[in-house]
Amino acid sequence: MIPLDRIRAAAERARPYVLRSPVVPLDETAWLKLECLQPTGSFKVRGFFARALQLPADQLARGLITVSAGNAAQACAYVAHRLHVGCRVVMYETAPISKIDGVRRWGAVPVLLPREGVLAWLAGRAWEQEPETFIHPFADPDVMAGHGGVALELMEQVPDLERVLVPTGGGGLIGGIASALRQLRAGVEVIGVQSTGYPSWTTSLASGKPETLTPGTIADGTTAPVDSRNLELLREVVDRWINVPEERLRKKIAELAQRAKVVAEGAGVLGYAALDDIEPGPSTVAVVSGGNLSAQLLSEALS
């Protein structure tokens, strides 16, 4: 697992640039951790600041490049903007237009490719031929350490925390959170959440190797490929997994907006949706990982 000292150092580097996101109650034993309120609408800024601020000056000056379904793209663009360097992002051409526009808003250049092209670019380490400095969006230990800052905050915000539900795509968020909790309070149960429309982790952990699946989910933020470097980490630190029925997600987007006045994207609502699949009682936090929801999907969900 990622050492606690590394997580604390990463969180401290990112701290001046990110929000200490609030925890709001749903009832007497359940809370929401609102990472959807971060500057770009998702937790990703934590890890990207943690990694970028660690780069030698000459590497940072080259600018940044990453690969993303959308939220890491916006985080990389925002970090580059705040640190006054250039940025390009390789993205799925099917990414929501709101996320592509978010990249452009911060002055970065989206490079749009078919999903197969994006996966080939990543698998082939094509970034080694690019002029910018590459930050891996979910398998870089310092990116994951930065995301572990969520757990450090939770230990103070919910002192009796017993269980946490974490939406999971590439594994960077849950890898950081679970590594921190294992060392801070080993009894906290860490539950990874995906949709039945893209159950990449339960499938890959069952087979013991990264499996390639075709996404069929509105939780586009969780459709990253499984990286073999994260397989053993997540096997070690995640207690169990819940695959939320895909058909439940639109309903839960609307329910969360009406009940808690929180707008979450498909990936961001997964933890909240998984509350239906666990026994009530233990103090539980559902991480709302992102809020970059298209107006069209929000309208469809509410109607």
Protein backbone atom coordinates (compact mmCIF):
# COMPACT_ATOMS: atom_id res chain seq x y z
CA MET A 1 0.00 0.00 0.00
CA ILE A 2 1.00 3.64 -0.31
CA PRO A 3 2.93 4.73 2.81
CA LEU A 4 1.11 7.14 5.11
CA ASP A 5 4.03 9.59 5.13
CA ARG A 6 3.82 9.79 1.33
CA ILE A 7 0.07 10.45 1.51
CA ARG A 8 0.51 13.17 4.12
CA ALA A 9 3.26 14.86 2.10
CA ALA A 10 1.19 14.73 -1.10
CA ALA A 11 -1.88 16.14 0.64
CA GLU A 12 0.18 18.96 2.12
CA ARG A 13 1.58 19.91 -1.32
CA ALA A 14 -1.92 20.07 -2.79
CA ARG A 15 -3.56 21.72 0.22
CA PRO A 16 -3.17 25.40 -0.85
CA TYR A 17 -4.87 24.67 -4.17
CA VAL A 18 -7.75 22.34 -3.29
CA LEU A 19 -10.90 22.47 -1.21
CA ARG A 20 -11.23 20.74 2.12
CA SER A 21 -14.51 19.35 0.85
CA PRO A 22 -17.46 19.36 3.22
CA VAL A 23 -19.19 16.35 4.71
CA VAL A 24 -22.98 16.69 4.86
CA PRO A 25 -25.38 14.34 6.67
CA LEU A 26 -28.05 12.25 4.98
CA ASP A 27 -29.33 10.81 8.25
CA GLU A 28 -27.99 9.81 11.67
CA THR A 29 -25.39 7.37 10.32
CA ALA A 30 -24.73 8.32 6.66
CA TRP A 31 -22.85 11.26 5.20
CA LEU A 32 -21.75 12.54 1.80
CA LYS A 33 -18.17 13.71 1.13
CA LEU A 34 -18.64 16.35 -1.57
CA GLU A 35 -15.60 16.08 -3.83
CA CYS A 36 -17.90 17.34 -6.59
CA LEU A 37 -17.25 20.83 -5.16
CA GLN A 38 -13.54 20.81 -6.03
CA PRO A 39 -12.39 23.56 -8.46
CA THR A 40 -12.96 21.42 -11.56
CA GLY A 41 -15.88 19.44 -10.17
CA SER A 42 -14.03 16.29 -9.12
CA PHE A 43 -11.43 14.88 -6.74
CA LYS A 44 -8.84 14.64 -9.52
CA VAL A 45 -7.25 18.01 -8.73
CA ARG A 46 -5.86 16.57 -5.49
CA GLY A 47 -3.63 14.03 -7.20
CA PHE A 48 -2.63 16.20 -10.14
CA PHE A 49 -1.46 19.04 -7.90
CA ALA A 50 0.37 16.57 -5.66
CA ARG A 51 2.26 15.17 -8.65
CA ALA A 52 2.85 18.37 -10.62
CA LEU A 53 4.21 20.24 -7.61
CA GLN A 54 6.77 17.47 -7.15
CA LEU A 55 8.17 17.79 -10.68
CA PRO A 56 11.62 19.33 -11.25
CA ALA A 57 11.34 22.83 -12.69
CA ASP A 58 12.59 21.81 -16.14
CA GLN A 59 10.01 19.01 -16.44
CA LEU A 60 7.17 21.25 -15.31
CA ALA A 61 8.21 23.96 -17.76
CA ARG A 62 7.68 21.51 -20.63
CA GLY A 63 3.97 21.53 -19.87
CA LEU A 64 1.70 18.65 -18.87
CA ILE A 65 -0.06 15.88 -20.75
CA THR A 66 -2.44 13.17 -19.58
CA VAL A 67 -5.13 10.82 -20.86
CA SER A 68 -8.67 10.90 -19.58
CA ALA A 69 -12.37 10.25 -19.95
CA GLY A 70 -12.94 13.82 -18.79
CA ASN A 71 -12.39 14.62 -15.11
CA ALA A 72 -8.64 13.99 -15.06
CA ALA A 73 -8.48 16.03 -18.27
CA GLN A 74 -10.04 19.03 -16.56
CA ALA A 75 -7.86 18.57 -13.49
CA CYS A 76 -4.68 18.49 -15.56
CA ALA A 77 -5.80 21.58 -17.49
CA TYR A 78 -6.61 23.45 -14.29
CA VAL A 79 -3.32 22.50 -12.62
CA ALA A 80 -1.37 23.62 -15.69
CA HIS A 81 -3.31 26.89 -15.71
CA ARG A 82 -2.60 27.58 -12.04
CA LEU A 83 1.08 26.70 -12.47
CA HIS A 84 1.39 28.74 -15.70
CA VAL A 85 2.42 25.96 -18.08
CA GLY A 86 0.91 24.47 -21.21
CA CYS A 87 -1.26 21.37 -21.34
CA ARG A 88 -2.69 18.83 -23.79
CA VAL A 89 -5.06 16.00 -22.95
CA VAL A 90 -5.77 12.83 -24.91
CA MET A 91 -9.51 12.17 -24.53
CA TYR A 92 -12.27 9.90 -25.79
CA GLU A 93 -14.03 11.62 -28.67
CA THR A 94 -17.28 10.53 -27.00
CA ALA A 95 -16.47 12.44 -23.79
CA PRO A 96 -19.34 14.70 -22.66
CA ILE A 97 -19.07 18.08 -24.35
CA SER A 98 -19.21 19.72 -20.92
CA LYS A 99 -15.93 17.99 -20.00
CA ILE A 100 -14.27 18.87 -23.32
CA ASP A 101 -15.34 22.49 -22.85
CA GLY A 102 -13.97 22.36 -19.31
CA VAL A 103 -10.52 21.45 -20.68
CA ARG A 104 -10.63 24.36 -23.10
CA ARG A 105 -11.85 26.73 -20.37
CA TRP A 106 -8.50 26.39 -18.61
CA GLY A 107 -6.50 26.95 -21.77
CA ALA A 108 -5.58 23.33 -22.51
CA VAL A 109 -5.89 21.51 -25.83
CA PRO A 110 -8.04 18.35 -26.03
CA VAL A 111 -6.77 15.66 -28.41
CA LEU A 112 -9.88 13.63 -29.29
CA LEU A 113 -9.51 9.99 -30.35
CA PRO A 114 -11.81 6.94 -30.56
CA ARG A 115 -11.80 4.86 -27.38
CA GLU A 116 -9.60 2.24 -29.06
CA GLY A 117 -7.11 4.94 -30.01
CA VAL A 118 -6.98 6.32 -26.47
CA LEU A 119 -6.38 2.86 -25.00
CA ALA A 120 -3.69 2.15 -27.60
CA TRP A 121 -2.00 5.51 -26.83
CA LEU A 122 -1.95 4.62 -23.15
CA ALA A 123 -0.91 0.98 -23.54
CA GLY A 124 1.82 1.89 -26.02
CA ARG A 125 3.29 4.57 -23.73
CA ALA A 126 2.92 7.06 -26.56
CA TRP A 127 3.50 9.91 -24.12
CA GLU A 128 7.21 9.10 -24.31
CA GLN A 129 7.19 10.60 -27.80
CA GLU A 130 5.44 13.80 -26.72
CA PRO A 131 7.20 17.01 -25.62
CA GLU A 132 5.18 17.52 -22.43
CA THR A 133 5.62 15.78 -19.09
CA PHE A 134 3.12 12.96 -18.64
CA ILE A 135 1.08 12.47 -15.47
CA HIS A 136 -0.66 9.12 -15.29
CA PRO A 137 -4.27 9.78 -14.24
CA PHE A 138 -4.72 6.79 -11.91
CA ALA A 139 -1.63 4.55 -11.62
CA ASP A 140 0.94 7.12 -10.44
CA PRO A 141 1.71 6.55 -6.72
CA ASP A 142 1.94 10.27 -5.99
CA VAL A 143 -1.35 10.97 -7.75
CA MET A 144 -2.96 8.28 -5.61
CA ALA A 145 -1.22 9.66 -2.52
CA GLY A 146 -2.76 13.05 -3.26
CA HIS A 147 -6.20 11.48 -3.43
CA GLY A 148 -5.50 9.92 -0.05
CA GLY A 149 -5.98 13.40 1.38
CA VAL A 150 -9.71 12.62 1.28
CA ALA A 151 -9.16 10.01 4.00
CA LEU A 152 -7.08 12.37 6.13
CA GLU A 153 -9.97 14.84 6.12
CA LEU A 154 -12.56 12.15 6.85
CA MET A 155 -10.72 11.07 9.99
CA GLU A 156 -11.31 14.57 11.38
CA GLN A 157 -14.76 15.18 9.91
CA VAL A 158 -16.35 11.84 10.90
CA PRO A 159 -14.44 10.67 14.00
CA ASP A 160 -16.49 7.48 14.36
CA LEU A 161 -16.20 6.50 10.68
CA GLU A 162 -16.77 2.77 10.16
CA ARG A 163 -17.40 2.42 6.42
CA VAL A 164 -16.70 4.34 3.19
CA LEU A 165 -18.17 3.87 -0.28
CA VAL A 166 -15.85 4.94 -3.10
CA PRO A 167 -16.75 5.20 -6.81
CA THR A 168 -13.98 3.42 -8.71
CA GLY A 169 -12.65 3.83 -12.23
CA GLY A 170 -8.91 3.42 -12.70
CA GLY A 171 -8.45 2.89 -8.96
CA GLY A 172 -6.50 6.01 -8.04
CA LEU A 173 -9.08 7.43 -5.63
CA ILE A 174 -9.86 4.23 -3.79
CA GLY A 175 -6.16 3.23 -3.76
CA GLY A 176 -5.24 6.45 -1.98
CA ILE A 177 -8.20 6.50 0.41
CA ALA A 178 -7.90 2.82 1.35
CA SER A 179 -4.12 2.99 1.84
CA ALA A 180 -4.54 5.89 4.25
CA LEU A 181 -7.37 4.27 6.19
CA ARG A 182 -5.54 0.96 6.54
CA GLN A 183 -2.78 2.82 8.39
CA LEU A 184 -4.93 5.30 10.29
CA ARG A 185 -7.80 3.05 11.34
CA ALA A 186 -7.65 -0.48 10.00
CA GLY A 187 -11.20 -1.32 11.07
CA VAL A 188 -12.85 1.02 8.57
CA GLU A 189 -14.46 -1.00 5.79
CA VAL A 190 -13.58 0.26 2.30
CA ILE A 191 -16.11 -0.63 -0.41
CA GLY A 192 -15.42 -0.05 -4.09
CA VAL A 193 -18.42 0.83 -6.24
CA GLN A 194 -18.93 0.45 -9.96
CA SER A 195 -21.90 0.06 -12.30
CA THR A 196 -23.08 -3.21 -13.79
CA GLY A 197 -22.53 -1.39 -17.07
CA TYR A 198 -18.75 -1.44 -16.49
CA PRO A 199 -17.74 -3.89 -13.71
CA SER A 200 -14.05 -3.79 -14.62
CA TRP A 201 -12.66 -4.41 -11.14
CA THR A 202 -14.76 -7.36 -10.05
CA THR A 203 -14.11 -8.94 -13.45
CA SER A 204 -10.36 -8.30 -13.39
CA LEU A 205 -9.86 -9.28 -9.75
CA ALA A 206 -11.73 -12.52 -10.38
CA SER A 207 -9.51 -13.44 -13.33
CA GLY A 208 -6.29 -12.09 -11.81
CA LYS A 209 -5.46 -9.91 -14.81
CA PRO A 210 -6.73 -6.70 -16.44
CA GLU A 211 -9.84 -7.43 -18.47
CA THR A 212 -11.01 -5.30 -21.37
CA LEU A 213 -14.72 -4.47 -21.22
CA THR A 214 -16.97 -2.40 -23.44
CA PRO A 215 -18.59 0.38 -21.39
CA GLY A 216 -22.35 0.46 -21.18
CA THR A 217 -22.81 3.06 -18.49
CA ILE A 218 -23.60 6.72 -17.91
CA ALA A 219 -20.84 6.64 -15.28
CA ASP A 220 -18.27 7.62 -17.92
CA GLY A 221 -15.83 8.72 -15.23
CA THR A 222 -15.33 5.07 -14.23
CA THR A 223 -14.57 3.67 -17.69
CA ALA A 224 -10.78 3.74 -17.43
CA PRO A 225 -8.92 0.52 -18.23
CA VAL A 226 -7.58 -1.59 -15.37
CA ASP A 227 -3.83 -1.12 -14.92
CA SER A 228 -1.97 -4.21 -13.71
CA ARG A 229 0.00 -2.07 -11.24
CA ASN A 230 -3.20 -1.37 -9.31
CA LEU A 231 -4.52 -4.93 -9.24
CA GLU A 232 -2.55 -6.11 -6.22
CA LEU A 233 -2.93 -2.79 -4.41
CA LEU A 234 -6.71 -2.88 -4.62
CA ARG A 235 -6.80 -6.58 -3.80
CA GLU A 236 -4.88 -5.71 -0.62
CA VAL A 237 -6.72 -2.62 0.56
CA VAL A 238 -10.34 -2.87 -0.67
CA ASP A 239 -12.64 -4.99 1.51
CA ARG A 240 -15.44 -5.65 -0.96
CA TRP A 241 -17.16 -4.45 -4.12
CA ILE A 242 -20.67 -3.42 -5.09
CA ASN A 243 -21.87 -3.23 -8.69
CA VAL A 244 -24.86 -0.89 -8.79
CA PRO A 245 -27.49 -1.80 -11.42
CA GLU A 246 -27.03 0.58 -14.34
CA GLU A 247 -30.75 1.24 -14.59
CA ARG A 248 -30.68 2.71 -11.06
CA LEU A 249 -28.21 5.50 -11.80
CA ARG A 250 -30.49 8.05 -13.49
CA LYS A 251 -33.01 7.66 -10.68
CA LYS A 252 -30.27 8.21 -8.09
CA ILE A 253 -28.98 11.35 -9.84
CA ALA A 254 -32.47 12.84 -9.50
CA GLU A 255 -32.95 11.54 -5.96
CA LEU A 256 -29.65 12.98 -4.76
CA ALA A 257 -30.44 16.36 -6.31
CA GLN A 258 -33.85 16.46 -4.67
CA ARG A 259 -32.90 14.95 -1.30
CA ALA A 260 -29.52 16.54 -0.62
CA LYS A 261 -29.45 19.40 -3.18
CA VAL A 262 -26.30 17.84 -4.68
CA VAL A 263 -25.76 17.48 -8.44
CA ALA A 264 -23.56 14.47 -9.19
CA GLU A 265 -22.57 12.87 -12.47
CA GLY A 266 -23.10 9.18 -13.11
CA ALA A 267 -19.77 8.19 -11.56
CA GLY A 268 -20.20 10.60 -8.68
CA VAL A 269 -23.57 9.20 -7.64
CA LEU A 270 -22.35 5.58 -7.40
CA GLY A 271 -21.45 5.69 -3.71
CA TYR A 272 -24.81 7.19 -2.83
CA ALA A 273 -26.59 4.61 -4.98
CA ALA A 274 -24.73 1.78 -3.23
CA LEU A 275 -26.26 2.76 0.12
CA ASP A 276 -29.26 0.69 -1.01
CA ASP A 277 -27.04 -2.41 -1.12
CA ILE A 278 -25.54 -2.31 2.38
CA GLU A 279 -26.99 -2.94 5.79
CA PRO A 280 -27.81 0.27 7.70
CA GLY A 281 -26.22 1.10 11.01
CA PRO A 282 -22.44 1.64 10.86
CA SER A 283 -21.27 5.23 10.34
CA THR A 284 -20.88 5.45 6.58
CA VAL A 285 -19.55 8.04 4.15
CA ALA A 286 -20.37 7.92 0.45
CA VAL A 287 -17.81 9.85 -1.58
CA VAL A 288 -19.45 11.98 -4.27
CA SER A 289 -16.46 11.92 -6.57
CA GLY A 290 -17.62 14.23 -9.35
CA GLY A 291 -20.34 16.63 -10.42
CA ASN A 292 -19.59 17.26 -14.09
CA LEU A 293 -23.01 16.25 -15.34
CA SER A 294 -24.25 17.37 -18.73
CA ALA A 295 -27.38 19.51 -18.75
CA GLN A 296 -29.05 16.98 -21.02
CA LEU A 297 -28.44 14.04 -18.70
CA LEU A 298 -29.56 16.06 -15.68
CA SER A 299 -32.74 17.00 -17.51
CA GLU A 300 -33.38 13.37 -18.49
CA ALA A 301 -32.78 12.19 -14.93
CA LEU A 302 -35.08 14.79 -13.40
CA SER A 303 -37.85 14.09 -15.89
